[in-house]
Amino acid sequence: MTVGHDPTGASKWNPVEHRLFAPVSINWAGQPLRSLEILLGWVRGTEVGGVGVTASLDRATYATKVKVSNAPMRRWDLERHEVCPAGNYTISPRRLELRN
């Protein structure tokens, strides 16, 4: 699995967001967004290149600032990339050592 985080404030470089922003804005046409359901309706009613857009609301709450101890981290085969190594890395299955 390869993970690549965009730097803080760089969401404008997200290619999916970049391609969807203008069509959603045109479809929305400045109507008041009085609820999340209305917002989702405008997004779902958008097509990009003949392909419909899906959107859903996730009302779950998630723990934040969860720290993983060093023991599980050592079990991963983690390769950090040269560019932004803190946010760009690949996790591979650890190879088992065969014993005779």
N, C-alpha and C. Protein backbone atom coordinates (compact mmCIF):
# COMPACT_ATOMS: atom_id res chain seq x y z
N MET A 1 0.85 -1.14 0.00
CA MET A 1 0.00 0.00 0.00
C MET A 1 0.91 1.22 0.00
N THR A 2 0.65 2.13 -0.92
CA THR A 2 1.41 3.37 -0.96
C THR A 2 0.53 4.51 -0.47
N VAL A 3 1.07 5.30 0.44
CA VAL A 3 0.36 6.42 1.02
C VAL A 3 1.05 7.70 0.58
N GLY A 4 0.27 8.65 0.10
CA GLY A 4 0.81 9.94 -0.28
C GLY A 4 -0.08 11.04 0.24
N HIS A 5 0.40 11.77 1.23
CA HIS A 5 -0.39 12.85 1.81
C HIS A 5 -0.06 14.16 1.10
N ASP A 6 -1.09 14.92 0.77
CA ASP A 6 -0.86 16.26 0.25
C ASP A 6 -0.44 17.15 1.40
N PRO A 7 0.46 18.09 1.16
CA PRO A 7 0.85 19.00 2.23
C PRO A 7 -0.36 19.82 2.70
N THR A 8 -0.30 20.28 3.92
CA THR A 8 -1.37 21.09 4.48
C THR A 8 -1.65 22.27 3.57
N GLY A 9 -2.92 22.51 3.29
CA GLY A 9 -3.32 23.64 2.45
C GLY A 9 -3.17 23.39 0.97
N ALA A 10 -2.84 22.16 0.56
CA ALA A 10 -2.61 21.87 -0.85
C ALA A 10 -3.75 21.10 -1.48
N SER A 11 -4.95 21.14 -0.90
CA SER A 11 -6.06 20.36 -1.46
C SER A 11 -6.39 20.81 -2.88
N LYS A 12 -6.00 22.03 -3.24
CA LYS A 12 -6.28 22.49 -4.60
C LYS A 12 -5.55 21.64 -5.64
N TRP A 13 -4.56 20.89 -5.22
CA TRP A 13 -3.82 20.03 -6.15
C TRP A 13 -4.39 18.64 -6.22
N ASN A 14 -5.43 18.35 -5.44
CA ASN A 14 -6.09 17.05 -5.49
C ASN A 14 -6.80 16.94 -6.84
N PRO A 15 -6.39 16.00 -7.72
CA PRO A 15 -6.97 15.94 -9.06
C PRO A 15 -8.46 15.66 -9.10
N VAL A 16 -8.97 14.86 -8.16
CA VAL A 16 -10.40 14.57 -8.14
C VAL A 16 -11.17 15.84 -7.76
N GLU A 17 -10.72 16.48 -6.70
CA GLU A 17 -11.38 17.72 -6.26
C GLU A 17 -11.30 18.78 -7.37
N HIS A 18 -10.16 18.85 -8.02
CA HIS A 18 -9.95 19.85 -9.07
C HIS A 18 -10.94 19.64 -10.23
N ARG A 19 -11.16 18.39 -10.63
CA ARG A 19 -12.08 18.10 -11.74
C ARG A 19 -13.54 18.26 -11.36
N LEU A 20 -13.87 18.10 -10.08
CA LEU A 20 -15.26 18.16 -9.65
C LEU A 20 -15.73 19.55 -9.26
N PHE A 21 -14.83 20.43 -8.86
CA PHE A 21 -15.24 21.71 -8.30
C PHE A 21 -16.08 22.53 -9.27
N ALA A 22 -15.62 22.70 -10.50
CA ALA A 22 -16.36 23.52 -11.47
C ALA A 22 -17.72 22.92 -11.82
N PRO A 23 -17.82 21.62 -12.15
CA PRO A 23 -19.15 21.06 -12.46
C PRO A 23 -20.12 21.12 -11.28
N VAL A 24 -19.63 20.88 -10.07
CA VAL A 24 -20.51 20.97 -8.90
C VAL A 24 -20.97 22.42 -8.73
N SER A 25 -20.07 23.38 -8.90
CA SER A 25 -20.42 24.79 -8.77
C SER A 25 -21.47 25.20 -9.79
N ILE A 26 -21.32 24.72 -11.02
CA ILE A 26 -22.30 25.05 -12.07
C ILE A 26 -23.65 24.43 -11.73
N ASN A 27 -23.66 23.18 -11.30
CA ASN A 27 -24.90 22.49 -10.94
C ASN A 27 -25.58 23.16 -9.74
N TRP A 28 -24.79 23.56 -8.77
CA TRP A 28 -25.29 24.20 -7.55
C TRP A 28 -25.83 25.59 -7.85
N ALA A 29 -25.17 26.33 -8.72
CA ALA A 29 -25.60 27.65 -9.19
C ALA A 29 -25.93 28.63 -8.06
N GLY A 30 -25.16 28.58 -6.99
CA GLY A 30 -25.30 29.56 -5.93
C GLY A 30 -26.55 29.45 -5.09
N GLN A 31 -27.26 28.33 -5.15
CA GLN A 31 -28.45 28.15 -4.32
C GLN A 31 -28.03 28.03 -2.85
N PRO A 32 -28.87 28.47 -1.93
CA PRO A 32 -28.50 28.37 -0.51
C PRO A 32 -28.32 26.92 -0.07
N LEU A 33 -27.26 26.67 0.65
CA LEU A 33 -27.00 25.34 1.19
C LEU A 33 -27.47 25.34 2.64
N ARG A 34 -28.74 25.03 2.83
CA ARG A 34 -29.36 25.12 4.16
C ARG A 34 -29.18 23.85 5.00
N SER A 35 -28.75 22.76 4.38
CA SER A 35 -28.54 21.52 5.13
C SER A 35 -27.52 20.66 4.39
N LEU A 36 -26.99 19.67 5.09
CA LEU A 36 -26.05 18.75 4.46
C LEU A 36 -26.74 17.92 3.38
N GLU A 37 -28.02 17.60 3.59
CA GLU A 37 -28.77 16.83 2.60
C GLU A 37 -28.89 17.60 1.29
N ILE A 38 -29.14 18.91 1.38
CA ILE A 38 -29.22 19.74 0.16
C ILE A 38 -27.86 19.76 -0.54
N LEU A 39 -26.81 19.94 0.22
CA LEU A 39 -25.47 19.94 -0.35
C LEU A 39 -25.18 18.63 -1.06
N LEU A 40 -25.48 17.50 -0.40
CA LEU A 40 -25.25 16.19 -1.01
C LEU A 40 -26.09 16.01 -2.27
N GLY A 41 -27.30 16.55 -2.28
CA GLY A 41 -28.15 16.47 -3.48
C GLY A 41 -27.52 17.18 -4.67
N TRP A 42 -26.94 18.36 -4.44
CA TRP A 42 -26.29 19.08 -5.54
C TRP A 42 -25.07 18.31 -6.04
N VAL A 43 -24.29 17.76 -5.12
CA VAL A 43 -23.10 17.00 -5.53
C VAL A 43 -23.52 15.75 -6.29
N ARG A 44 -24.50 15.02 -5.78
CA ARG A 44 -24.95 13.79 -6.44
C ARG A 44 -25.58 14.06 -7.80
N GLY A 45 -26.13 15.24 -7.99
CA GLY A 45 -26.76 15.58 -9.26
C GLY A 45 -25.78 16.04 -10.33
N THR A 46 -24.50 15.95 -10.05
CA THR A 46 -23.47 16.41 -10.98
C THR A 46 -22.95 15.25 -11.81
N GLU A 47 -22.66 15.53 -13.07
CA GLU A 47 -22.00 14.57 -13.96
C GLU A 47 -20.71 15.18 -14.46
N VAL A 48 -19.68 14.36 -14.54
CA VAL A 48 -18.39 14.79 -15.08
C VAL A 48 -18.02 13.82 -16.18
N GLY A 49 -17.99 14.31 -17.41
CA GLY A 49 -17.66 13.44 -18.53
C GLY A 49 -18.61 12.29 -18.70
N GLY A 50 -19.89 12.49 -18.39
CA GLY A 50 -20.88 11.43 -18.54
C GLY A 50 -20.94 10.46 -17.37
N VAL A 51 -20.13 10.69 -16.37
CA VAL A 51 -20.09 9.81 -15.20
C VAL A 51 -20.71 10.54 -14.02
N GLY A 52 -21.66 9.90 -13.36
CA GLY A 52 -22.31 10.51 -12.20
C GLY A 52 -21.40 10.56 -11.00
N VAL A 53 -21.65 11.51 -10.13
CA VAL A 53 -20.87 11.68 -8.91
C VAL A 53 -21.64 11.08 -7.75
N THR A 54 -20.97 10.35 -6.90
CA THR A 54 -21.61 9.82 -5.70
C THR A 54 -21.07 10.57 -4.49
N ALA A 55 -21.91 10.71 -3.50
CA ALA A 55 -21.51 11.36 -2.25
C ALA A 55 -22.34 10.79 -1.13
N SER A 56 -21.73 10.67 0.03
CA SER A 56 -22.46 10.20 1.20
C SER A 56 -21.95 10.94 2.43
N LEU A 57 -22.78 10.98 3.42
CA LEU A 57 -22.44 11.65 4.67
C LEU A 57 -22.04 10.60 5.69
N ASP A 58 -20.89 10.76 6.25
CA ASP A 58 -20.39 9.84 7.28
C ASP A 58 -20.55 10.54 8.62
N ARG A 59 -21.50 10.09 9.40
CA ARG A 59 -21.77 10.72 10.70
C ARG A 59 -21.00 10.05 11.85
N ALA A 60 -20.16 9.11 11.53
CA ALA A 60 -19.39 8.42 12.57
C ALA A 60 -18.38 9.40 13.20
N THR A 61 -18.02 9.12 14.42
CA THR A 61 -16.96 9.88 15.06
C THR A 61 -15.73 9.00 15.13
N TYR A 62 -14.60 9.60 14.94
CA TYR A 62 -13.35 8.86 14.90
C TYR A 62 -12.38 9.43 15.93
N ALA A 63 -11.62 8.55 16.54
CA ALA A 63 -10.62 8.98 17.50
C ALA A 63 -9.53 9.76 16.76
N THR A 64 -9.04 10.78 17.40
CA THR A 64 -7.95 11.57 16.82
C THR A 64 -6.72 11.47 17.70
N LYS A 65 -5.60 11.80 17.14
CA LYS A 65 -4.32 11.82 17.86
C LYS A 65 -3.99 10.47 18.49
N VAL A 66 -4.36 9.37 17.79
CA VAL A 66 -4.07 8.03 18.27
C VAL A 66 -2.61 7.74 17.96
N LYS A 67 -1.87 7.32 18.96
CA LYS A 67 -0.46 7.01 18.79
C LYS A 67 -0.29 5.49 18.71
N VAL A 68 0.49 5.04 17.74
CA VAL A 68 0.80 3.62 17.60
C VAL A 68 2.15 3.39 18.26
N SER A 69 2.21 2.39 19.13
CA SER A 69 3.47 2.12 19.83
C SER A 69 4.52 1.62 18.85
N ASN A 70 5.76 1.59 19.29
CA ASN A 70 6.87 1.18 18.43
C ASN A 70 6.81 -0.29 18.04
N ALA A 71 6.26 -1.16 18.91
CA ALA A 71 6.25 -2.60 18.62
C ALA A 71 5.50 -2.92 17.32
N PRO A 72 4.26 -2.47 17.11
CA PRO A 72 3.60 -2.77 15.84
C PRO A 72 4.29 -2.09 14.66
N MET A 73 4.85 -0.92 14.88
CA MET A 73 5.52 -0.21 13.79
C MET A 73 6.73 -1.01 13.29
N ARG A 74 7.43 -1.68 14.18
CA ARG A 74 8.61 -2.46 13.77
C ARG A 74 8.22 -3.68 12.93
N ARG A 75 6.98 -4.13 13.05
CA ARG A 75 6.54 -5.30 12.28
C ARG A 75 6.20 -4.95 10.84
N TRP A 76 6.08 -3.68 10.52
CA TRP A 76 5.75 -3.27 9.16
C TRP A 76 7.01 -3.15 8.32
N ASP A 77 6.87 -3.44 7.05
CA ASP A 77 7.96 -3.21 6.10
C ASP A 77 7.65 -1.85 5.45
N LEU A 78 8.14 -0.79 6.06
CA LEU A 78 7.81 0.57 5.67
C LEU A 78 8.98 1.20 4.93
N GLU A 79 8.73 1.68 3.73
CA GLU A 79 9.77 2.35 2.94
C GLU A 79 9.31 3.80 2.70
N ARG A 80 10.04 4.73 3.28
CA ARG A 80 9.72 6.14 3.11
C ARG A 80 10.24 6.63 1.77
N HIS A 81 9.47 7.51 1.11
CA HIS A 81 9.87 8.05 -0.18
C HIS A 81 10.83 9.21 0.03
N GLU A 82 11.58 9.56 -1.02
CA GLU A 82 12.54 10.65 -0.92
C GLU A 82 11.83 12.00 -0.75
N VAL A 83 10.71 12.18 -1.45
CA VAL A 83 9.97 13.44 -1.38
C VAL A 83 8.97 13.35 -0.22
N CYS A 84 9.05 14.27 0.70
CA CYS A 84 8.16 14.32 1.87
C CYS A 84 8.05 12.96 2.56
N PRO A 85 9.15 12.44 3.09
CA PRO A 85 9.14 11.08 3.66
C PRO A 85 8.18 10.90 4.83
N ALA A 86 7.86 11.98 5.55
CA ALA A 86 6.94 11.84 6.68
C ALA A 86 5.53 11.52 6.20
N GLY A 87 5.16 11.96 5.00
CA GLY A 87 3.80 11.76 4.52
C GLY A 87 3.69 10.87 3.31
N ASN A 88 4.81 10.44 2.73
CA ASN A 88 4.78 9.59 1.54
C ASN A 88 5.61 8.34 1.82
N TYR A 89 4.94 7.20 1.82
CA TYR A 89 5.63 5.96 2.12
C TYR A 89 4.86 4.78 1.54
N THR A 90 5.54 3.65 1.46
CA THR A 90 4.94 2.41 0.98
C THR A 90 5.07 1.36 2.07
N ILE A 91 3.97 0.69 2.36
CA ILE A 91 3.97 -0.40 3.34
C ILE A 91 3.79 -1.70 2.55
N SER A 92 4.74 -2.62 2.69
CA SER A 92 4.70 -3.89 1.97
C SER A 92 4.54 -5.02 2.99
N PRO A 93 4.00 -6.17 2.54
CA PRO A 93 3.96 -7.32 3.44
C PRO A 93 5.38 -7.71 3.82
N ARG A 94 5.58 -8.00 5.08
CA ARG A 94 6.92 -8.40 5.52
C ARG A 94 7.21 -9.80 5.00
N ARG A 95 8.39 -9.97 4.45
CA ARG A 95 8.77 -11.29 3.92
C ARG A 95 9.14 -12.20 5.09
N LEU A 96 8.62 -13.39 5.05
CA LEU A 96 8.95 -14.37 6.09
C LEU A 96 10.31 -14.98 5.79
N GLU A 97 11.12 -15.15 6.82
CA GLU A 97 12.41 -15.79 6.64
C GLU A 97 12.21 -17.29 6.75
N LEU A 98 12.67 -18.02 5.75
CA LEU A 98 12.54 -19.48 5.75
C LEU A 98 13.71 -20.06 6.54
N ARG A 99 13.41 -20.98 7.43
CA ARG A 99 14.47 -21.61 8.23
C ARG A 99 14.60 -23.06 7.82
N ASN A 100 15.83 -23.54 7.75
CA ASN A 100 16.07 -24.95 7.41
C ASN A 100 16.13 -25.80 8.63
